[in-house]
Amino acid sequence: MKWYDNRLVPWVLPIFIVILWQLLVQYKIITTTLLPSPLEVVDAAIRLSESGDLQTHVLISTQRALIGFIIGGVIGFILGLINGTVLFFERTIDTTVQMIRTIPHLALIPLVILWFGIGEDAKIFLVALGVMFPIYINTFNGIKNVDRKLIEMGNVYGLSRGKLFTNIILPGALPSILVGIRYALGVMWVSLIVAETIGTDAGIGFMATSAREFMQMDIIVLTIVLYAILGKLSDLIAKLFEHRLLKWHPAFRKK
């Protein structure tokens, strides 16, 4: 095993950045009015944890993100599935979906507020809309790029349409679908960050907005760190599913 295969190696750079950040603030190269030190951010996290506010806001944001991800993911997967497998739907639906996909979903915030108000529905809608397209495009392309020779071989062996899909098409498209899920998880948190600035009274975005009004730089940076941690955890879970579901794939076999 090479040295860079060690599981601790990916964390060397983040740890170095945190140490450098602490030293720059400690020696007043960067003032705390511009950027608080890591220790101040940790202290803010401990303070909010003791009051229970941190856990409450993180839980609410996570719930919003997951609900939006499930709704958008299911819609994107179904659209990619039917457009990728049925030529009629590809011809009639795909162009419309691609046109809508090019519209920045966060630019729709004024419309979303008019449609849904400033409640939970608006936030979940924005997250779902952001998540839907990465999963759609990767599912669609994954199905379209399945080796045609394998499909022909399945037909030769007399596989039914159901078995052809479950045994050849879906496994062949799965790597692309999982890439779409990983990308969508990143979009999920980006969408949520913006969505939580829309008249909310709870969530990580609410913490950031409230801290900005009172110039609490330590809490503002804490919210950024929380989004980064949640994003990394989401990616780790997605990678775990990749390795579990793609054991047969050469790129995911343990060496």
Protein backbone atom coordinates (compact mmCIF):
# COMPACT_ATOMS: atom_id res chain seq x y z
CA MET A 1 0.00 0.00 0.00
CA LYS A 2 1.33 3.41 -0.98
CA TRP A 3 1.56 6.20 1.58
CA TYR A 4 -1.22 8.25 -0.02
CA ASP A 5 -3.62 5.31 0.35
CA ASN A 6 -3.72 5.95 4.10
CA ARG A 7 -7.18 7.09 5.22
CA LEU A 8 -5.70 10.01 7.17
CA VAL A 9 -3.99 11.57 4.13
CA PRO A 10 -7.11 13.42 2.83
CA TRP A 11 -7.37 15.20 6.18
CA VAL A 12 -3.80 16.54 6.19
CA LEU A 13 -4.60 19.62 4.06
CA PRO A 14 -7.78 20.62 5.99
CA ILE A 15 -5.90 20.29 9.30
CA PHE A 16 -3.01 22.35 7.92
CA ILE A 17 -5.43 25.07 6.78
CA VAL A 18 -7.07 25.20 10.24
CA ILE A 19 -3.68 25.44 11.99
CA LEU A 20 -2.54 28.17 9.58
CA TRP A 21 -5.84 30.00 10.10
CA GLN A 22 -5.37 29.88 13.90
CA LEU A 23 -1.79 31.16 13.66
CA LEU A 24 -2.72 34.02 11.32
CA VAL A 25 -5.41 35.22 13.74
CA GLN A 26 -3.31 34.57 16.84
CA TYR A 27 -0.43 36.69 15.54
CA LYS A 28 -2.89 39.38 14.36
CA ILE A 29 -2.02 39.00 10.68
CA ILE A 30 -5.78 38.66 10.25
CA THR A 31 -7.99 40.60 12.68
CA THR A 32 -10.88 38.88 14.46
CA THR A 33 -13.25 41.50 13.07
CA LEU A 34 -12.59 40.03 9.62
CA LEU A 35 -12.29 36.38 10.58
CA PRO A 36 -12.54 34.79 14.04
CA SER A 37 -10.06 32.11 15.03
CA PRO A 38 -10.96 28.40 14.89
CA LEU A 39 -10.96 28.31 18.69
CA GLU A 40 -13.57 31.09 18.80
CA VAL A 41 -15.70 29.17 16.30
CA VAL A 42 -15.41 26.02 18.44
CA ASP A 43 -16.32 28.05 21.51
CA ALA A 44 -19.45 29.35 19.71
CA ALA A 45 -20.38 25.77 18.77
CA ILE A 46 -20.01 24.62 22.39
CA ARG A 47 -22.06 27.57 23.64
CA LEU A 48 -24.90 26.90 21.19
CA SER A 49 -24.76 23.16 21.87
CA GLU A 50 -25.16 23.69 25.60
CA SER A 51 -28.30 25.76 24.99
CA GLY A 52 -29.62 23.17 22.53
CA ASP A 53 -29.97 25.73 19.71
CA LEU A 54 -27.29 24.17 17.53
CA GLN A 55 -28.86 20.70 17.49
CA THR A 56 -32.31 22.14 16.81
CA HIS A 57 -31.22 24.27 13.84
CA VAL A 58 -29.06 21.51 12.33
CA LEU A 59 -31.90 19.00 12.63
CA ILE A 60 -34.39 21.35 10.95
CA SER A 61 -32.01 22.10 8.07
CA THR A 62 -31.22 18.41 7.61
CA GLN A 63 -34.93 17.56 7.49
CA ARG A 64 -35.54 20.20 4.82
CA ALA A 65 -32.59 18.99 2.79
CA LEU A 66 -33.61 15.32 2.96
CA ILE A 67 -37.26 15.95 2.09
CA GLY A 68 -36.27 18.11 -0.87
CA PHE A 69 -33.66 15.57 -1.97
CA ILE A 70 -36.10 12.66 -1.86
CA ILE A 71 -38.80 14.55 -3.79
CA GLY A 72 -36.44 15.96 -6.41
CA GLY A 73 -34.44 12.74 -6.64
CA VAL A 74 -37.48 10.55 -7.24
CA ILE A 75 -38.86 12.90 -9.90
CA GLY A 76 -35.48 13.20 -11.62
CA PHE A 77 -34.91 9.45 -11.55
CA ILE A 78 -38.36 8.64 -12.97
CA LEU A 79 -38.01 11.24 -15.73
CA GLY A 80 -34.54 9.96 -16.62
CA LEU A 81 -35.82 6.41 -16.57
CA ILE A 82 -38.78 6.89 -18.88
CA ASN A 83 -36.94 9.25 -21.23
CA GLY A 84 -33.95 6.94 -21.39
CA THR A 85 -35.92 3.77 -22.10
CA VAL A 86 -38.90 4.95 -24.18
CA LEU A 87 -38.09 6.80 -27.39
CA PHE A 88 -41.52 8.46 -27.54
CA PHE A 89 -40.99 10.16 -24.15
CA GLU A 90 -37.43 11.16 -25.08
CA ARG A 91 -38.72 12.87 -28.22
CA THR A 92 -41.61 14.64 -26.47
CA ILE A 93 -40.27 15.46 -22.98
CA ASP A 94 -36.47 15.67 -22.98
CA THR A 95 -36.17 18.96 -24.89
CA THR A 96 -38.57 20.67 -22.48
CA VAL A 97 -36.73 19.33 -19.45
CA GLN A 98 -33.37 20.45 -20.88
CA MET A 99 -34.72 23.96 -21.48
CA ILE A 100 -36.00 24.20 -17.91
CA ARG A 101 -32.68 22.80 -16.64
CA THR A 102 -30.75 25.76 -18.06
CA ILE A 103 -32.76 28.22 -15.94
CA PRO A 104 -30.91 28.90 -12.64
CA HIS A 105 -33.35 27.53 -10.10
CA LEU A 106 -32.33 30.10 -7.49
CA ALA A 107 -33.38 32.85 -9.91
CA LEU A 108 -36.93 31.62 -9.40
CA ILE A 109 -37.00 32.73 -5.75
CA PRO A 110 -39.36 35.72 -6.38
CA LEU A 111 -41.80 33.41 -8.18
CA VAL A 112 -41.46 30.72 -5.52
CA ILE A 113 -42.33 33.25 -2.82
CA LEU A 114 -45.44 34.26 -4.78
CA TRP A 115 -46.41 30.60 -5.31
CA PHE A 116 -45.66 29.16 -1.88
CA GLY A 117 -45.11 32.12 0.42
CA ILE A 118 -42.13 32.02 2.78
CA GLY A 119 -42.99 28.77 4.57
CA GLU A 120 -41.44 25.31 4.43
CA ASP A 121 -42.95 24.51 1.02
CA ALA A 122 -40.89 27.20 -0.68
CA LYS A 123 -37.62 25.93 0.80
CA ILE A 124 -38.33 22.29 -0.01
CA PHE A 125 -39.41 23.22 -3.56
CA LEU A 126 -36.12 25.03 -4.23
CA VAL A 127 -34.07 22.11 -2.90
CA ALA A 128 -36.11 19.58 -4.89
CA LEU A 129 -35.78 21.62 -8.08
CA GLY A 130 -32.01 21.91 -7.66
CA VAL A 131 -31.61 18.18 -6.96
CA MET A 132 -33.87 16.95 -9.75
CA PHE A 133 -31.79 17.90 -12.78
CA PRO A 134 -28.39 16.35 -11.87
CA ILE A 135 -30.12 13.05 -11.13
CA TYR A 136 -32.25 13.30 -14.27
CA ILE A 137 -29.38 14.01 -16.65
CA ASN A 138 -27.12 11.32 -15.17
CA THR A 139 -29.89 8.71 -15.14
CA PHE A 140 -30.83 9.56 -18.72
CA ASN A 141 -27.23 9.49 -19.98
CA GLY A 142 -26.40 6.39 -17.95
CA ILE A 143 -29.23 4.44 -19.58
CA LYS A 144 -28.37 5.76 -23.04
CA ASN A 145 -24.71 4.75 -22.66
CA VAL A 146 -25.34 1.15 -21.62
CA ASP A 147 -23.41 -1.17 -23.96
CA ARG A 148 -25.83 -2.11 -26.74
CA LYS A 149 -24.04 -5.42 -27.21
CA LEU A 150 -25.05 -6.46 -23.71
CA ILE A 151 -28.68 -5.60 -24.46
CA GLU A 152 -28.51 -7.59 -27.71
CA MET A 153 -27.02 -10.51 -25.80
CA GLY A 154 -29.86 -10.33 -23.29
CA ASN A 155 -32.38 -10.42 -26.11
CA VAL A 156 -30.61 -13.43 -27.62
CA TYR A 157 -30.89 -15.28 -24.31
CA GLY A 158 -34.61 -14.47 -24.22
CA LEU A 159 -34.67 -12.17 -21.20
CA SER A 160 -37.98 -10.47 -20.57
CA ARG A 161 -38.13 -6.66 -20.58
CA GLY A 162 -38.22 -6.64 -16.79
CA LYS A 163 -35.16 -8.86 -16.42
CA LEU A 164 -33.39 -7.01 -19.20
CA PHE A 165 -33.85 -3.79 -17.25
CA THR A 166 -32.94 -5.14 -13.80
CA ASN A 167 -30.03 -7.35 -14.94
CA ILE A 168 -28.42 -5.25 -17.69
CA ILE A 169 -29.75 -1.71 -18.16
CA LEU A 170 -30.00 -0.58 -14.52
CA PRO A 171 -26.61 -2.05 -13.42
CA GLY A 172 -25.00 -0.52 -16.51
CA ALA A 173 -26.47 2.89 -15.76
CA LEU A 174 -25.85 2.72 -12.00
CA PRO A 175 -22.34 4.30 -11.98
CA SER A 176 -23.69 7.35 -13.81
CA ILE A 177 -26.78 7.51 -11.57
CA LEU A 178 -24.64 7.47 -8.43
CA VAL A 179 -22.43 10.23 -9.83
CA GLY A 180 -25.62 12.24 -10.33
CA ILE A 181 -26.62 11.58 -6.72
CA ARG A 182 -23.24 12.77 -5.42
CA TYR A 183 -23.46 15.93 -7.48
CA ALA A 184 -27.08 16.47 -6.44
CA LEU A 185 -26.11 16.25 -2.77
CA GLY A 186 -23.81 19.23 -3.25
CA VAL A 187 -26.53 21.17 -5.06
CA MET A 188 -28.92 20.23 -2.24
CA TRP A 189 -26.90 22.10 0.37
CA VAL A 190 -26.23 25.08 -1.91
CA SER A 191 -29.97 25.37 -2.61
CA LEU A 192 -30.77 25.07 1.08
CA ILE A 193 -28.32 27.83 2.04
CA VAL A 194 -30.15 30.28 -0.22
CA ALA A 195 -33.61 28.90 0.57
CA GLU A 196 -33.08 29.41 4.30
CA THR A 197 -32.59 33.13 3.79
CA ILE A 198 -36.28 33.37 2.79
CA GLY A 199 -38.11 34.51 5.91
CA THR A 200 -37.19 31.58 8.12
CA ASP A 201 -37.23 31.33 11.91
CA ALA A 202 -35.17 28.15 12.26
CA GLY A 203 -32.33 26.32 10.55
CA ILE A 204 -28.65 26.95 9.89
CA GLY A 205 -29.50 29.75 7.46
CA PHE A 206 -31.53 31.44 10.19
CA MET A 207 -28.51 31.22 12.49
CA ALA A 208 -26.35 32.92 9.84
CA THR A 209 -28.91 35.66 9.15
CA SER A 210 -29.42 36.41 12.85
CA ALA A 211 -25.66 36.42 13.49
CA ARG A 212 -25.12 38.82 10.58
CA GLU A 213 -27.57 41.33 12.08
CA PHE A 214 -25.65 41.30 15.38
CA MET A 215 -22.19 41.07 13.73
CA GLN A 216 -21.46 37.72 15.43
CA MET A 217 -18.63 36.62 13.17
CA ASP A 218 -17.93 33.44 15.13
CA ILE A 219 -21.48 32.14 14.53
CA ILE A 220 -21.43 33.18 10.87
CA VAL A 221 -18.24 31.17 10.29
CA LEU A 222 -19.71 28.31 12.35
CA THR A 223 -22.69 28.09 9.97
CA ILE A 224 -20.31 27.90 7.00
CA VAL A 225 -18.36 25.12 8.73
CA LEU A 226 -21.62 23.28 9.50
CA TYR A 227 -22.65 23.33 5.84
CA ALA A 228 -19.20 22.05 4.88
CA ILE A 229 -19.37 19.21 7.43
CA LEU A 230 -22.89 18.21 6.40
CA GLY A 231 -21.85 18.29 2.74
CA LYS A 232 -18.84 16.09 3.46
CA LEU A 233 -20.94 13.62 5.46
CA SER A 234 -23.45 13.43 2.60
CA ASP A 235 -20.64 12.72 0.15
CA LEU A 236 -19.17 10.02 2.41
CA ILE A 237 -22.56 8.29 2.62
CA ALA A 238 -22.91 8.47 -1.17
CA LYS A 239 -19.43 6.99 -1.63
CA LEU A 240 -20.31 4.20 0.80
CA PHE A 241 -23.34 3.34 -1.33
CA GLU A 242 -21.15 3.44 -4.44
CA HIS A 243 -18.78 0.86 -3.00
CA ARG A 244 -21.64 -1.33 -1.78
CA LEU A 245 -23.69 -1.22 -4.98
CA LEU A 246 -20.79 -1.32 -7.44
CA LYS A 247 -18.72 -4.14 -6.01
CA TRP A 248 -18.83 -5.79 -9.43
CA HIS A 249 -17.34 -2.71 -11.13
CA PRO A 250 -13.52 -2.83 -11.67
CA ALA A 251 -13.08 0.75 -10.45
CA PHE A 252 -14.63 -0.10 -7.06
CA ARG A 253 -12.96 -3.45 -6.37
CA LYS A 254 -10.68 -3.47 -3.39
CA LYS A 255 -7.07 -3.94 -4.39
